[in-house]
Protein backbone atom coordinates (compact mmCIF):
# COMPACT_ATOMS: atom_id res chain seq x y z
CA UNK A 1 -47.42 107.19 -105.73
CA UNK A 2 -47.16 108.37 -102.14
CA UNK A 3 -49.11 111.50 -101.24
CA UNK A 4 -47.68 111.99 -97.74
CA UNK A 5 -44.47 110.85 -96.02
CA UNK A 6 -44.69 110.75 -92.23
CA UNK A 7 -41.38 110.70 -90.36
CA UNK A 8 -41.74 108.98 -86.99
CA UNK A 9 -43.94 106.08 -85.97
CA UNK A 10 -44.80 107.48 -82.57
CA UNK A 11 -48.37 108.03 -81.40
CA UNK A 12 -48.83 111.26 -83.37
CA UNK A 13 -47.34 109.86 -86.58
CA UNK A 14 -49.37 106.67 -86.49
CA UNK A 15 -52.57 108.53 -85.65
CA UNK A 16 -51.99 110.94 -88.52
CA UNK A 17 -51.28 108.06 -90.91
CA UNK A 18 -54.49 106.32 -89.82
CA UNK A 19 -56.63 109.42 -90.26
CA UNK A 20 -55.13 110.21 -93.64
CA UNK A 21 -55.66 106.63 -94.81
CA UNK A 22 -59.32 106.80 -93.78
CA UNK A 23 -59.57 109.93 -95.94
CA UNK A 24 -58.13 108.02 -98.90
CA UNK A 25 -54.65 109.58 -98.78
CA UNK A 26 -51.74 107.25 -99.61
CA UNK A 27 -49.20 107.53 -96.77
CA UNK A 28 -45.84 106.03 -95.90
CA UNK A 29 -44.50 106.05 -92.33
CA UNK A 30 -40.74 105.81 -91.76
CA UNK A 31 -39.12 105.17 -88.39
CA UNK A 32 -35.48 105.30 -87.38
CA UNK A 33 -35.64 102.42 -84.91
CA UNK A 34 -36.45 98.82 -85.89
CA UNK A 35 -38.04 97.98 -82.50
CA UNK A 36 -40.36 99.78 -80.11
CA UNK A 37 -38.67 101.72 -77.29
CA UNK A 38 -38.95 100.54 -73.71
CA UNK A 39 -40.85 103.68 -72.69
CA UNK A 40 -44.06 105.47 -73.61
CA UNK A 41 -43.50 107.90 -76.46
CA UNK A 42 -46.90 109.54 -75.99
CA UNK A 43 -46.31 110.68 -72.42
CA UNK A 44 -46.13 114.41 -73.20
CA UNK A 45 -48.87 114.67 -75.82
CA UNK A 46 -51.29 116.46 -73.49
CA UNK A 47 -52.10 119.87 -74.96
CA UNK A 48 -52.59 122.77 -72.56
CA UNK A 49 -56.19 123.69 -71.86
CA UNK A 50 -57.29 126.96 -73.43
CA UNK A 51 -57.83 129.84 -71.04
CA UNK A 52 -59.62 133.16 -71.46
CA UNK A 53 -59.53 134.58 -75.01
CA UNK A 54 -57.78 131.47 -76.35
CA UNK A 55 -54.65 131.82 -74.21
CA UNK A 56 -53.14 128.75 -72.57
CA UNK A 57 -53.34 128.71 -68.80
CA UNK A 58 -50.94 126.90 -66.50
CA UNK A 59 -52.06 123.81 -64.64
């Protein structure tokens, strides 16, 4: 039985699947496309740095 279904095999989905598997959670990853795209899907995964009192500051 699958505990978690992850939709999207991009960097975030694959990382989540890996971490869950290490924790003993049975996961299934589904992806719409049969082949990798010709571009980097993790380009915009940079989170903003926290500013004063937990607010995000601009770069």
